[in-house]
Amino acid sequence: MNRVRHHLNGSDHWYEYPRYLFKNESKDILELCGEALDLLDVAWRYSRYNTISVAKRAAVERLDEFVGPKY
């Protein structure tokens, strides 16, 4: 679960949503992961140089169809 805090009108508001993070130091492994996600039609992006993020609701739901929900 990704937990996000926003400061609004003098108070903190929290919300959370499921996401997947795939972390690896090997560029080759991350490229293979990205290619596999593309074949599954799962939207993804690099959130860091060594991390692939799947966070859009539809993409998480699509990935859940293959690996099962993680919560």
PDB file of N, CA and C in Angstrom:
ATOM      1  N   MET A   1       0.831  -1.177   0.000  1.00  0.00           N
ATOM      2  CA  MET A   1       0.000   0.000   0.000  1.00  0.00           C
ATOM      3  C   MET A   1       0.875   1.240   0.000  1.00  0.00           C
ATOM      4  N   ASN A   2       0.513   2.157  -0.848  1.00  0.00           N
ATOM      5  CA  ASN A   2       1.195   3.440  -0.846  1.00  0.00           C
ATOM      6  C   ASN A   2       0.345   4.401  -0.029  1.00  0.00           C
ATOM      7  N   ARG A   3       0.941   5.015   0.958  1.00  0.00           N
ATOM      8  CA  ARG A   3       0.236   5.964   1.817  1.00  0.00           C
ATOM      9  C   ARG A   3       0.734   7.366   1.502  1.00  0.00           C
ATOM     10  N   VAL A   4      -0.232   8.261   1.250  1.00  0.00           N
ATOM     11  CA  VAL A   4       0.103   9.619   0.849  1.00  0.00           C
ATOM     12  C   VAL A   4      -0.559  10.585   1.824  1.00  0.00           C
ATOM     13  N   ARG A   5       0.211  11.594   2.225  1.00  0.00           N
ATOM     14  CA  ARG A   5      -0.324  12.608   3.138  1.00  0.00           C
ATOM     15  C   ARG A   5      -0.356  13.947   2.408  1.00  0.00           C
ATOM     16  N   HIS A   6      -1.481  14.635   2.526  1.00  0.00           N
ATOM     17  CA  HIS A   6      -1.626  15.989   1.989  1.00  0.00           C
ATOM     18  C   HIS A   6      -1.992  16.908   3.136  1.00  0.00           C
ATOM     19  N   HIS A   7      -1.350  18.046   3.161  1.00  0.00           N
ATOM     20  CA  HIS A   7      -1.691  19.055   4.156  1.00  0.00           C
ATOM     21  C   HIS A   7      -2.693  20.005   3.509  1.00  0.00           C
ATOM     22  N   LEU A   8      -3.898  20.063   4.065  1.00  0.00           N
ATOM     23  CA  LEU A   8      -4.976  20.832   3.465  1.00  0.00           C
ATOM     24  C   LEU A   8      -5.750  21.560   4.546  1.00  0.00           C
ATOM     25  N   ASN A   9      -5.883  22.846   4.387  1.00  0.00           N
ATOM     26  CA  ASN A   9      -6.646  23.665   5.342  1.00  0.00           C
ATOM     27  C   ASN A   9      -6.208  23.462   6.784  1.00  0.00           C
ATOM     28  N   GLY A  10      -4.921  23.388   6.987  1.00  0.00           N
ATOM     29  CA  GLY A  10      -4.386  23.301   8.339  1.00  0.00           C
ATOM     30  C   GLY A  10      -4.381  21.919   8.958  1.00  0.00           C
ATOM     31  N   SER A  11      -4.786  20.898   8.218  1.00  0.00           N
ATOM     32  CA  SER A  11      -4.764  19.546   8.788  1.00  0.00           C
ATOM     33  C   SER A  11      -4.251  18.548   7.743  1.00  0.00           C
ATOM     34  N   ASP A  12      -3.811  17.423   8.240  1.00  0.00           N
ATOM     35  CA  ASP A  12      -3.299  16.370   7.367  1.00  0.00           C
ATOM     36  C   ASP A  12      -4.425  15.446   6.932  1.00  0.00           C
ATOM     37  N   HIS A  13      -4.415  15.115   5.664  1.00  0.00           N
ATOM     38  CA  HIS A  13      -5.369  14.161   5.112  1.00  0.00           C
ATOM     39  C   HIS A  13      -4.569  13.025   4.491  1.00  0.00           C
ATOM     40  N   TRP A  14      -4.966  11.800   4.790  1.00  0.00           N
ATOM     41  CA  TRP A  14      -4.261  10.615   4.314  1.00  0.00           C
ATOM     42  C   TRP A  14      -5.138   9.824   3.359  1.00  0.00           C
ATOM     43  N   TYR A  15      -4.520   9.254   2.364  1.00  0.00           N
ATOM     44  CA  TYR A  15      -5.199   8.253   1.547  1.00  0.00           C
ATOM     45  C   TYR A  15      -4.165   7.217   1.146  1.00  0.00           C
ATOM     46  N   GLU A  16      -4.651   6.055   0.768  1.00  0.00           N
ATOM     47  CA  GLU A  16      -3.747   4.977   0.381  1.00  0.00           C
ATOM     48  C   GLU A  16      -4.318   4.213  -0.799  1.00  0.00           C
ATOM     49  N   TYR A  17      -3.406   3.607  -1.548  1.00  0.00           N
ATOM     50  CA  TYR A  17      -3.813   2.819  -2.701  1.00  0.00           C
ATOM     51  C   TYR A  17      -2.764   1.738  -2.942  1.00  0.00           C
ATOM     52  N   PRO A  18      -3.180   0.612  -3.518  1.00  0.00           N
ATOM     53  CA  PRO A  18      -2.222  -0.465  -3.779  1.00  0.00           C
ATOM     54  C   PRO A  18      -1.338  -0.128  -4.975  1.00  0.00           C
ATOM     55  N   ARG A  19      -0.107  -0.601  -4.928  1.00  0.00           N
ATOM     56  CA  ARG A  19       0.812  -0.459  -6.046  1.00  0.00           C
ATOM     57  C   ARG A  19       1.847  -1.564  -5.969  1.00  0.00           C
ATOM     58  N   TYR A  20       2.523  -1.779  -7.053  1.00  0.00           N
ATOM     59  CA  TYR A  20       3.623  -2.747  -7.107  1.00  0.00           C
ATOM     60  C   TYR A  20       4.918  -1.985  -7.383  1.00  0.00           C
ATOM     61  N   LEU A  21       5.978  -2.393  -6.708  1.00  0.00           N
ATOM     62  CA  LEU A  21       7.314  -1.879  -6.976  1.00  0.00           C
ATOM     63  C   LEU A  21       8.232  -3.062  -7.238  1.00  0.00           C
ATOM     64  N   PHE A  22       8.949  -3.014  -8.331  1.00  0.00           N
ATOM     65  CA  PHE A  22       9.924  -4.048  -8.667  1.00  0.00           C
ATOM     66  C   PHE A  22      11.294  -3.384  -8.658  1.00  0.00           C
ATOM     67  N   LYS A  23      12.134  -3.818  -7.755  1.00  0.00           N
ATOM     68  CA  LYS A  23      13.439  -3.192  -7.590  1.00  0.00           C
ATOM     69  C   LYS A  23      14.540  -4.194  -7.894  1.00  0.00           C
ATOM     70  N   ASN A  24      15.519  -3.747  -8.701  1.00  0.00           N
ATOM     71  CA  ASN A  24      16.660  -4.584  -9.017  1.00  0.00           C
ATOM     72  C   ASN A  24      17.789  -3.689  -9.494  1.00  0.00           C
ATOM     73  N   GLU A  25      18.997  -4.048  -9.177  1.00  0.00           N
ATOM     74  CA  GLU A  25      20.149  -3.254  -9.609  1.00  0.00           C
ATOM     75  C   GLU A  25      20.564  -3.581 -11.040  1.00  0.00           C
ATOM     76  N   SER A  26      20.065  -4.678 -11.591  1.00  0.00           N
ATOM     77  CA  SER A  26      20.414  -5.078 -12.956  1.00  0.00           C
ATOM     78  C   SER A  26      19.480  -4.409 -13.958  1.00  0.00           C
ATOM     79  N   LYS A  27      20.059  -3.619 -14.844  1.00  0.00           N
ATOM     80  CA  LYS A  27      19.269  -2.970 -15.892  1.00  0.00           C
ATOM     81  C   LYS A  27      18.614  -4.018 -16.788  1.00  0.00           C
ATOM     82  N   ASP A  28      19.329  -5.111 -17.069  1.00  0.00           N
ATOM     83  CA  ASP A  28      18.782  -6.175 -17.916  1.00  0.00           C
ATOM     84  C   ASP A  28      17.531  -6.796 -17.306  1.00  0.00           C
ATOM     85  N   ILE A  29      17.580  -7.059 -16.005  1.00  0.00           N
ATOM     86  CA  ILE A  29      16.419  -7.650 -15.320  1.00  0.00           C
ATOM     87  C   ILE A  29      15.234  -6.692 -15.375  1.00  0.00           C
ATOM     88  N   LEU A  30      15.479  -5.408 -15.129  1.00  0.00           N
ATOM     89  CA  LEU A  30      14.392  -4.430 -15.181  1.00  0.00           C
ATOM     90  C   LEU A  30      13.819  -4.317 -16.594  1.00  0.00           C
ATOM     91  N   GLU A  31      14.668  -4.401 -17.597  1.00  0.00           N
ATOM     92  CA  GLU A  31      14.163  -4.369 -18.979  1.00  0.00           C
ATOM     93  C   GLU A  31      13.293  -5.584 -19.273  1.00  0.00           C
ATOM     94  N   LEU A  32      13.692  -6.752 -18.779  1.00  0.00           N
ATOM     95  CA  LEU A  32      12.865  -7.952 -18.950  1.00  0.00           C
ATOM     96  C   LEU A  32      11.521  -7.791 -18.242  1.00  0.00           C
ATOM     97  N   CYS A  33      11.553  -7.239 -17.062  1.00  0.00           N
ATOM     98  CA  CYS A  33      10.314  -6.996 -16.313  1.00  0.00           C
ATOM     99  C   CYS A  33       9.410  -6.046 -17.097  1.00  0.00           C
ATOM    100  N   GLY A  34       9.966  -4.958 -17.608  1.00  0.00           N
ATOM    101  CA  GLY A  34       9.190  -4.006 -18.396  1.00  0.00           C
ATOM    102  C   GLY A  34       8.601  -4.637 -19.645  1.00  0.00           C
ATOM    103  N   GLU A  35       9.383  -5.475 -20.311  1.00  0.00           N
ATOM    104  CA  GLU A  35       8.884  -6.168 -21.504  1.00  0.00           C
ATOM    105  C   GLU A  35       7.730  -7.100 -21.149  1.00  0.00           C
ATOM    106  N   ALA A  36       7.848  -7.813 -20.036  1.00  0.00           N
ATOM    107  CA  ALA A  36       6.774  -8.718 -19.604  1.00  0.00           C
ATOM    108  C   ALA A  36       5.517  -7.923 -19.256  1.00  0.00           C
ATOM    109  N   LEU A  37       5.681  -6.794 -18.593  1.00  0.00           N
ATOM    110  CA  LEU A  37       4.524  -5.955 -18.257  1.00  0.00           C
ATOM    111  C   LEU A  37       3.871  -5.412 -19.533  1.00  0.00           C
ATOM    112  N   ASP A  38       4.681  -5.058 -20.514  1.00  0.00           N
ATOM    113  CA  ASP A  38       4.132  -4.603 -21.796  1.00  0.00           C
ATOM    114  C   ASP A  38       3.311  -5.702 -22.461  1.00  0.00           C
ATOM    115  N   LEU A  39       3.811  -6.937 -22.429  1.00  0.00           N
ATOM    116  CA  LEU A  39       3.072  -8.055 -23.022  1.00  0.00           C
ATOM    117  C   LEU A  39       1.743  -8.295 -22.317  1.00  0.00           C
ATOM    118  N   LEU A  40       1.697  -8.006 -21.019  1.00  0.00           N
ATOM    119  CA  LEU A  40       0.464  -8.166 -20.250  1.00  0.00           C
ATOM    120  C   LEU A  40      -0.433  -6.935 -20.336  1.00  0.00           C
ATOM    121  N   ASP A  41       0.017  -5.917 -21.053  1.00  0.00           N
ATOM    122  CA  ASP A  41      -0.718  -4.659 -21.191  1.00  0.00           C
ATOM    123  C   ASP A  41      -0.905  -3.975 -19.834  1.00  0.00           C
ATOM    124  N   VAL A  42       0.174  -3.951 -19.065  1.00  0.00           N
ATOM    125  CA  VAL A  42       0.182  -3.314 -17.745  1.00  0.00           C
ATOM    126  C   VAL A  42       1.000  -2.033 -17.850  1.00  0.00           C
ATOM    127  N   ALA A  43       0.377  -0.904 -17.523  1.00  0.00           N
ATOM    128  CA  ALA A  43       1.088   0.380 -17.550  1.00  0.00           C
ATOM    129  C   ALA A  43       2.102   0.425 -16.410  1.00  0.00           C
ATOM    130  N   TRP A  44       3.312   0.895 -16.726  1.00  0.00           N
ATOM    131  CA  TRP A  44       4.369   0.969 -15.727  1.00  0.00           C
ATOM    132  C   TRP A  44       5.291   2.134 -16.061  1.00  0.00           C
ATOM    133  N   ARG A  45       6.144   2.476 -15.104  1.00  0.00           N
ATOM    134  CA  ARG A  45       7.150   3.505 -15.331  1.00  0.00           C
ATOM    135  C   ARG A  45       8.310   3.276 -14.374  1.00  0.00           C
ATOM    136  N   TYR A  46       9.433   3.899 -14.665  1.00  0.00           N
ATOM    137  CA  TYR A  46      10.555   3.886 -13.735  1.00  0.00           C
ATOM    138  C   TYR A  46      10.309   4.977 -12.705  1.00  0.00           C
ATOM    139  N   SER A  47      10.224   4.612 -11.446  1.00  0.00           N
ATOM    140  CA  SER A  47      10.088   5.620 -10.401  1.00  0.00           C
ATOM    141  C   SER A  47      11.467   6.049  -9.894  1.00  0.00           C
ATOM    142  N   ARG A  48      12.456   5.198 -10.103  1.00  0.00           N
ATOM    143  CA  ARG A  48      13.864   5.476  -9.842  1.00  0.00           C
ATOM    144  C   ARG A  48      14.651   4.703 -10.892  1.00  0.00           C
ATOM    145  N   TYR A  49      15.952   4.906 -10.922  1.00  0.00           N
ATOM    146  CA  TYR A  49      16.771   4.224 -11.930  1.00  0.00           C
ATOM    147  C   TYR A  49      16.727   2.705 -11.767  1.00  0.00           C
ATOM    148  N   ASN A  50      16.431   2.228 -10.565  1.00  0.00           N
ATOM    149  CA  ASN A  50      16.450   0.790 -10.298  1.00  0.00           C
ATOM    150  C   ASN A  50      15.093   0.246  -9.855  1.00  0.00           C
ATOM    151  N   THR A  51      14.019   0.990 -10.099  1.00  0.00           N
ATOM    152  CA  THR A  51      12.701   0.595  -9.610  1.00  0.00           C
ATOM    153  C   THR A  51      11.632   0.829 -10.670  1.00  0.00           C
ATOM    154  N   ILE A  52      10.856  -0.215 -10.934  1.00  0.00           N
ATOM    155  CA  ILE A  52       9.691  -0.110 -11.810  1.00  0.00           C
ATOM    156  C   ILE A  52       8.462  -0.026 -10.921  1.00  0.00           C
ATOM    157  N   SER A  53       7.588   0.927 -11.238  1.00  0.00           N
ATOM    158  CA  SER A  53       6.375   1.147 -10.461  1.00  0.00           C
ATOM    159  C   SER A  53       5.147   0.845 -11.314  1.00  0.00           C
ATOM    160  N   VAL A  54       4.219   0.116 -10.733  1.00  0.00           N
ATOM    161  CA  VAL A  54       2.900  -0.106 -11.324  1.00  0.00           C
ATOM    162  C   VAL A  54       1.916   0.448 -10.309  1.00  0.00           C
ATOM    163  N   ALA A  55       1.333   1.619 -10.619  1.00  0.00           N
ATOM    164  CA  ALA A  55       0.523   2.300  -9.612  1.00  0.00           C
ATOM    165  C   ALA A  55      -0.853   2.734 -10.101  1.00  0.00           C
ATOM    166  N   LYS A  56      -1.059   2.828 -11.392  1.00  0.00           N
ATOM    167  CA  LYS A  56      -2.385   3.217 -11.876  1.00  0.00           C
ATOM    168  C   LYS A  56      -3.381   2.124 -11.539  1.00  0.00           C
ATOM    169  N   ARG A  57      -4.567   2.544 -11.149  1.00  0.00           N
ATOM    170  CA  ARG A  57      -5.582   1.593 -10.687  1.00  0.00           C
ATOM    171  C   ARG A  57      -5.813   0.452 -11.672  1.00  0.00           C
ATOM    172  N   ALA A  58      -6.017   0.788 -12.950  1.00  0.00           N
ATOM    173  CA  ALA A  58      -6.281  -0.243 -13.959  1.00  0.00           C
ATOM    174  C   ALA A  58      -5.088  -1.180 -14.121  1.00  0.00           C
ATOM    175  N   ALA A  59      -3.878  -0.642 -14.038  1.00  0.00           N
ATOM    176  CA  ALA A  59      -2.672  -1.461 -14.179  1.00  0.00           C
ATOM    177  C   ALA A  59      -2.513  -2.414 -13.004  1.00  0.00           C
ATOM    178  N   VAL A  60      -2.785  -1.937 -11.791  1.00  0.00           N
ATOM    179  CA  VAL A  60      -2.706  -2.798 -10.609  1.00  0.00           C
ATOM    180  C   VAL A  60      -3.749  -3.909 -10.702  1.00  0.00           C
ATOM    181  N   GLU A  61      -4.958  -3.553 -11.109  1.00  0.00           N
ATOM    182  CA  GLU A  61      -6.008  -4.566 -11.261  1.00  0.00           C
ATOM    183  C   GLU A  61      -5.619  -5.606 -12.311  1.00  0.00           C
ATOM    184  N   ARG A  62      -5.030  -5.158 -13.402  1.00  0.00           N
ATOM    185  CA  ARG A  62      -4.603  -6.092 -14.461  1.00  0.00           C
ATOM    186  C   ARG A  62      -3.509  -7.025 -13.944  1.00  0.00           C
ATOM    187  N   LEU A  63      -2.544  -6.493 -13.231  1.00  0.00           N
ATOM    188  CA  LEU A  63      -1.475  -7.327 -12.690  1.00  0.00           C
ATOM    189  C   LEU A  63      -2.012  -8.280 -11.626  1.00  0.00           C
ATOM    190  N   ASP A  64      -2.971  -7.837 -10.836  1.00  0.00           N
ATOM    191  CA  ASP A  64      -3.604  -8.715  -9.844  1.00  0.00           C
ATOM    192  C   ASP A  64      -4.233  -9.945 -10.487  1.00  0.00           C
ATOM    193  N   GLU A  65      -4.700  -9.813 -11.733  1.00  0.00           N
ATOM    194  CA  GLU A  65      -5.292 -10.959 -12.439  1.00  0.00           C
ATOM    195  C   GLU A  65      -4.272 -12.080 -12.634  1.00  0.00           C
ATOM    196  N   PHE A  66      -2.991 -11.733 -12.712  1.00  0.00           N
ATOM    197  CA  PHE A  66      -1.958 -12.719 -12.970  1.00  0.00           C
ATOM    198  C   PHE A  66      -1.255 -13.203 -11.704  1.00  0.00           C
ATOM    199  N   VAL A  67      -1.025 -12.322 -10.772  1.00  0.00           N
ATOM    200  CA  VAL A  67      -0.271 -12.717  -9.560  1.00  0.00           C
ATOM    201  C   VAL A  67      -1.153 -12.778  -8.321  1.00  0.00           C
ATOM    202  N   GLY A  68      -2.363 -12.310  -8.420  1.00  0.00           N
ATOM    203  CA  GLY A  68      -3.264 -12.276  -7.278  1.00  0.00           C
ATOM    204  C   GLY A  68      -3.022 -11.030  -6.453  1.00  0.00           C
ATOM    205  N   PRO A  69      -4.053 -10.547  -5.804  1.00  0.00           N
ATOM    206  CA  PRO A  69      -3.892  -9.332  -5.002  1.00  0.00           C
ATOM    207  C   PRO A  69      -2.893  -9.568  -3.881  1.00  0.00           C
ATOM    208  N   LYS A  70      -2.146  -8.551  -3.541  1.00  0.00           N
ATOM    209  CA  LYS A  70      -1.100  -8.684  -2.533  1.00  0.00           C
ATOM    210  C   LYS A  70      -1.535  -8.184  -1.171  1.00  0.00           C
ATOM    211  N   TYR A  71      -2.800  -7.969  -0.952  1.00  0.00           N
ATOM    212  CA  TYR A  71      -3.286  -7.471   0.332  1.00  0.00           C
ATOM    213  C   TYR A  71      -4.393  -8.334   0.847  1.00  0.00           C
TER     214      TYR A  71
END
